[in-house]
Structure formats: C-alpha cells, structure tokens
Protein backbone atom coordinates (compact mmCIF):
# COMPACT_ATOMS: atom_id res chain seq x y z
CA THR A 1 110.23 110.32 121.78
CA GLY A 2 107.28 110.50 124.18
CA VAL A 3 103.78 109.24 124.89
CA SER A 4 100.54 111.14 124.21
CA ASP A 5 97.24 110.26 125.87
CA SER A 6 95.52 110.79 122.51
CA TYR A 7 98.11 109.49 120.04
CA GLY A 8 100.09 106.91 122.01
CA PRO A 9 103.88 106.66 121.62
CA ILE A 10 105.32 109.39 119.38
CA GLY A 11 108.84 109.46 117.96
CA VAL A 12 110.72 112.27 116.20
CA ARG A 13 114.19 112.02 114.66
CA VAL A 14 115.61 115.14 113.02
CA ALA A 15 118.79 115.66 111.00
CA GLY A 16 119.99 117.91 108.18
CA THR A 17 119.23 121.63 107.99
CA LEU A 18 116.10 123.77 107.83
CA ALA A 19 116.54 124.09 104.05
CA ASP A 20 117.30 120.39 103.60
CA PRO A 21 115.80 118.49 106.53
CA LYS A 22 115.73 114.77 107.09
CA ALA A 23 113.09 114.05 109.71
CA LEU A 24 111.13 110.95 110.66
CA VAL A 25 107.93 111.20 112.69
CA THR A 26 106.14 108.14 114.04
CA ALA A 27 102.85 107.90 115.95
CA GLU A 28 101.12 104.76 117.13
CA ARG A 29 97.48 105.89 116.95
CA PRO A 30 96.88 109.50 115.85
CA GLY A 31 93.33 108.62 114.72
CA LEU A 32 92.44 111.77 112.74
CA GLY A 33 88.88 110.56 112.23
CA ILE A 34 89.86 107.54 110.10
CA GLY A 35 91.43 105.32 112.75
CA LEU A 36 94.94 106.20 111.58
CA ALA A 37 97.57 104.04 113.32
CA ASN A 38 101.21 103.06 112.93
CA LEU A 39 101.99 106.32 111.15
CA GLU A 40 105.48 106.81 109.72
CA ALA A 41 106.13 110.14 108.01
CA GLU A 42 109.46 111.16 106.48
CA VAL A 43 110.09 114.84 105.74
CA THR A 44 112.92 115.76 103.36
CA GLY A 45 113.95 118.78 101.32
CA ALA A 46 112.56 119.29 97.81
CA ALA A 47 112.87 121.95 95.12
CA ASN A 48 111.45 125.19 96.59
CA GLY A 49 110.06 123.41 99.63
CA TYR A 50 109.61 120.07 101.36
CA ARG A 51 108.46 116.55 100.60
CA LEU A 52 106.41 114.26 102.82
CA ASP A 53 106.28 110.49 102.41
CA ALA A 54 103.90 108.79 104.81
CA THR A 55 102.47 105.32 105.44
CA GLY A 56 100.01 104.00 108.00
CA ASP A 57 96.98 101.85 108.71
CA THR A 58 93.38 103.06 108.91
CA ASP A 59 89.90 101.68 109.54
CA TYR A 60 89.45 101.71 105.74
CA GLY A 61 92.69 100.02 104.69
CA PRO A 62 96.36 100.95 104.33
CA LEU A 63 97.33 104.58 103.71
CA SER A 64 100.29 105.92 101.76
CA ALA A 65 101.03 109.45 100.58
CA ASP A 66 103.67 111.38 98.64
CA VAL A 67 103.08 115.12 99.04
CA THR A 68 105.20 118.15 98.08
CA LEU A 69 104.87 121.49 99.85
CA ALA A 70 106.25 124.40 97.81
CA THR A 71 106.99 127.44 99.98
CA ALA A 72 108.81 129.65 97.45
CA GLY A 73 106.18 132.05 96.11
CA PRO A 74 102.51 131.25 96.74
CA LEU A 75 102.06 128.25 99.01
CA ARG A 76 101.33 125.17 96.90
CA ILE A 77 100.47 121.63 97.95
CA ASP A 78 100.98 118.91 95.35
CA ILE A 79 99.58 115.47 96.09
CA ASN A 80 101.86 113.50 93.81
CA ARG A 81 100.37 110.21 94.90
CA ALA A 82 98.17 109.01 97.73
CA ASP A 83 96.27 105.80 98.31
CA LEU A 84 93.67 104.82 100.91
CA GLY A 85 92.47 101.24 100.73
CA GLY A 86 92.99 101.10 96.96
CA ILE A 87 91.50 104.52 96.19
CA GLY A 88 94.07 106.81 94.60
CA PHE A 89 94.20 110.55 95.22
CA THR A 90 95.99 113.25 93.22
CA GLY A 91 95.74 117.01 92.96
CA SER A 92 97.32 120.39 93.40
CA LEU A 93 96.23 123.30 95.60
CA THR A 94 97.60 126.85 95.53
CA ARG A 95 96.90 129.51 98.15
CA THR A 96 95.70 132.82 96.75
CA GLU A 97 96.68 136.27 98.03
CA ALA A 98 93.18 136.60 99.52
CA GLY A 99 93.69 133.41 101.56
CA PRO A 100 91.56 130.61 100.04
CA PHE A 101 93.12 127.72 98.16
CA THR A 102 92.33 127.04 94.51
CA GLY A 103 92.75 123.78 92.63
CA GLN A 104 91.23 120.35 92.65
CA LEU A 105 91.61 116.92 94.20
CA THR A 106 90.55 113.75 92.44
CA ALA A 107 89.84 110.29 93.84
CA ARG A 108 89.59 107.14 91.77
CA GLY A 109 89.66 103.42 92.45
CA GLN A 110 87.68 100.53 93.93
CA GLY A 111 84.63 101.66 91.95
CA LEU A 112 84.76 105.23 93.30
CA ASP A 113 85.23 108.42 91.29
CA GLY A 114 85.21 111.83 92.92
CA ILE A 115 86.44 115.36 92.56
CA VAL A 116 86.72 118.26 94.99
CA ARG A 117 87.14 121.69 93.42
CA LEU A 118 88.48 124.39 95.71
CA GLY A 119 88.07 128.06 94.92
CA ALA A 120 87.35 131.45 96.39
CA ALA A 121 83.95 132.92 97.18
CA GLY A 122 85.25 136.42 97.73
CA ARG A 123 87.77 136.03 100.53
CA TYR A 124 86.21 132.78 101.77
CA GLN A 125 87.10 129.19 100.98
CA GLU A 126 84.66 127.34 98.74
CA ALA A 127 84.54 123.61 97.99
CA LEU A 128 82.45 121.88 95.34
CA ILE A 129 82.21 118.13 95.96
CA ASN A 130 80.99 115.50 93.49
CA LEU A 131 81.40 111.79 94.19
CA ARG A 132 80.03 108.61 92.67
CA ALA A 133 80.62 105.06 93.89
CA ARG A 134 79.44 101.65 92.74
CA ASP A 135 80.44 98.29 94.24
CA THR A 136 83.15 99.92 96.35
CA VAL A 137 84.72 97.65 98.98
CA LEU A 138 87.51 98.84 101.29
CA PRO A 139 89.74 96.31 103.07
CA GLY A 140 90.00 97.82 106.58
CA PRO A 141 88.36 96.77 109.86
CA ALA A 142 85.45 99.20 109.34
CA LYS A 143 84.18 96.68 106.74
CA LEU A 144 82.89 99.42 104.46
CA ALA A 145 81.14 98.19 101.33
CA ILE A 146 79.11 100.59 99.19
CA GLY A 147 76.70 99.26 96.59
CA GLN A 148 75.98 102.74 95.26
CA ALA A 149 76.61 106.28 96.45
CA ILE A 150 76.01 109.77 95.08
CA VAL A 151 77.33 112.86 96.85
CA ASP A 152 76.95 116.43 95.61
CA ALA A 153 77.73 119.37 97.86
CA ARG A 154 78.78 123.00 97.96
CA VAL A 155 80.47 124.35 101.10
CA VAL A 156 81.63 127.91 101.80
CA LEU A 157 83.54 128.59 105.03
CA TYR A 158 82.23 132.00 106.07
CA ASP A 159 83.50 133.51 109.32
CA ASP A 160 80.19 133.51 111.19
CA ALA A 161 78.59 130.31 109.86
CA PRO A 162 79.35 127.95 106.98
CA TYR A 163 77.18 127.59 103.90
CA VAL A 164 76.39 123.91 103.29
CA VAL A 165 74.07 122.59 100.59
CA ALA A 166 74.42 118.84 100.14
CA ASP A 167 72.59 115.81 98.77
CA VAL A 168 73.91 112.40 99.88
CA GLN A 169 72.42 109.12 98.65
CA LEU A 170 73.42 105.57 99.61
CA ALA A 171 72.16 102.12 98.63
CA ALA A 172 73.19 98.56 99.53
CA THR A 173 75.85 99.80 101.94
CA HIS A 174 77.47 97.90 104.81
CA ILE A 175 79.61 99.45 107.55
CA GLY A 176 80.55 97.73 110.79
CA ALA A 177 77.45 95.96 112.11
CA PHE A 178 74.99 97.98 110.02
CA ASP A 179 73.40 97.35 106.64
CA ILE A 180 71.88 100.38 104.95
CA ASN A 181 69.42 99.38 102.26
CA ALA A 182 68.72 102.94 101.20
CA ALA A 183 69.44 106.37 102.58
CA ARG A 184 69.16 109.98 101.51
CA VAL A 185 70.21 113.07 103.42
CA ILE A 186 69.58 116.59 102.12
CA VAL A 187 71.11 119.57 103.92
CA ASP A 188 70.37 123.23 103.22
CA TYR A 189 72.16 125.47 105.72
CA ARG A 190 72.66 129.15 104.91
CA ASN A 191 73.21 132.30 106.97
CA GLY A 192 73.32 130.33 110.20
CA ARG A 193 70.01 128.56 109.72
CA GLY A 194 68.49 125.82 107.64
CA LYS A 195 67.23 122.26 107.77
CA ALA A 196 68.27 118.69 107.15
CA LYS A 197 66.01 115.94 105.84
CA ALA A 198 66.93 112.29 106.21
CA LEU A 199 65.40 108.95 105.28
CA VAL A 200 67.37 105.83 106.23
CA GLU A 201 66.28 102.20 105.92
CA GLY A 202 68.35 99.23 106.97
CA ALA A 203 69.18 96.76 109.70
CA GLY A 204 71.59 96.52 112.62
CA GLY A 205 70.50 93.65 114.79
CA ALA A 206 66.92 94.61 113.92
CA PRO A 207 65.37 96.35 110.92
CA PHE A 208 64.96 100.12 111.19
CA ARG A 209 63.44 102.97 109.20
CA ILE A 210 64.23 106.53 110.19
CA ALA A 211 62.59 109.60 108.65
CA ALA A 212 63.46 112.98 110.11
CA ILE A 213 63.39 116.68 109.38
CA SER A 214 65.61 118.77 111.61
CA ARG A 215 65.83 122.53 111.80
CA LEU A 216 69.43 123.56 112.16
CA PRO A 217 70.09 126.22 114.84
CA CYS A 218 70.30 129.92 114.22
CA ARG A 219 73.49 131.78 114.91
CA SER A 220 74.06 132.86 118.49
C-alpha cells in the first residue's frame, strides 16, 4: 500500500504464481481523463493469459469491465464485457507482427451506437471511428446529456505527426454548467499541418456563439 500525489491511496495484494496470479489493485482517484475513482481491479490467471475484472466510479457513471489478455501467440485483448454509465462495450483486438492492432470495438446503450475499427496503415496504427447518439443521458456528476451527436473520424498514428480527419456534430447537449444548442468541429490535419473549423452556439451563464478557423502548427 502507499499514497500517490496523483492517484491518492493505492493498494496492491498479490498471491499465486506468475502463471496463475491472484492480485487485487485498488486506487482512490486515478482519474485517467474520466474522473475514475474508487478503482478495484482483480487480476487472475486465464487460458493462455490473464483476466482483469475491474469496477469503479467515473464522472459519467459507474464503470465495470471484464477483459482477457491472451499472451500465448499474438497478443490479443478481448473485452468480454464493459459498461460505462449504461453504455456497453465489447470487442477483440489482436496485435500484428508489424506492430499495429487489428479488430474492432463496439459501444451500445443509452441511445448511443458506435464502432471503432483498428487496422494497419503500413506499419502504423489506424483507427476509423463512427458514432451516433440520440437522447443519451449518463448518470455521473458530469451531468452529460446529448440530444444528438454524430462523430466520424480517421486517425493514423505516424511517427512524426498523426493524421487526423474528423467531423464532430452536437445538438441539444448539456455538460456541467454548459448547454450547447449546436456545434460542429471539422479537423483536417495531415503531414504535420492542417486546420480546424468550429462553430459552437449555447449558453453557460450567458449565451455565446463561437466561430473559429485555426491553422494547426507545422512540424518542428
């Protein structure tokens, strides 16, 4: 056990063997960009690898996950079951000899449907993202409610600079103290340069309307 400035109290209990471990990891507030707190993760042996069962709280509702990591042969990650605030996640990813993962992840629930397809662009990781949401309400303290959302994106993680082409649209969305009546963000970033266009209308104490075109920096 110990205390981290970033994660708060952390506990680790380990038993069993390397081939058949029985470990319990706890962390009070690891965060991880979603306000993850009260994490409890149990690691046990599984056929050809390991199994992770985890629970916790987030800004978007309770989190639970059942994941299998197969280490015999090509590395494979199977998300047997995961749930974040009533949105279920499943999928399987396999690492190729060249390095990138292939496979897909799906998300469904609370009015949201999405899929992330992972593949290889040569020796680089590629992700194709398509998400649709209508009347999606998550129960956590972030108070996220989405009337309608459309997200389409392609991302390639090149060594020098990522490739990102994305179109994100929101309508009738509430998060925290902000109401977003309508928003659209279009990003086109290739070869270390590009631009982003945004139009956002809403209210947060006072009405606002933001229209911007930003040139994204060139590579150094």
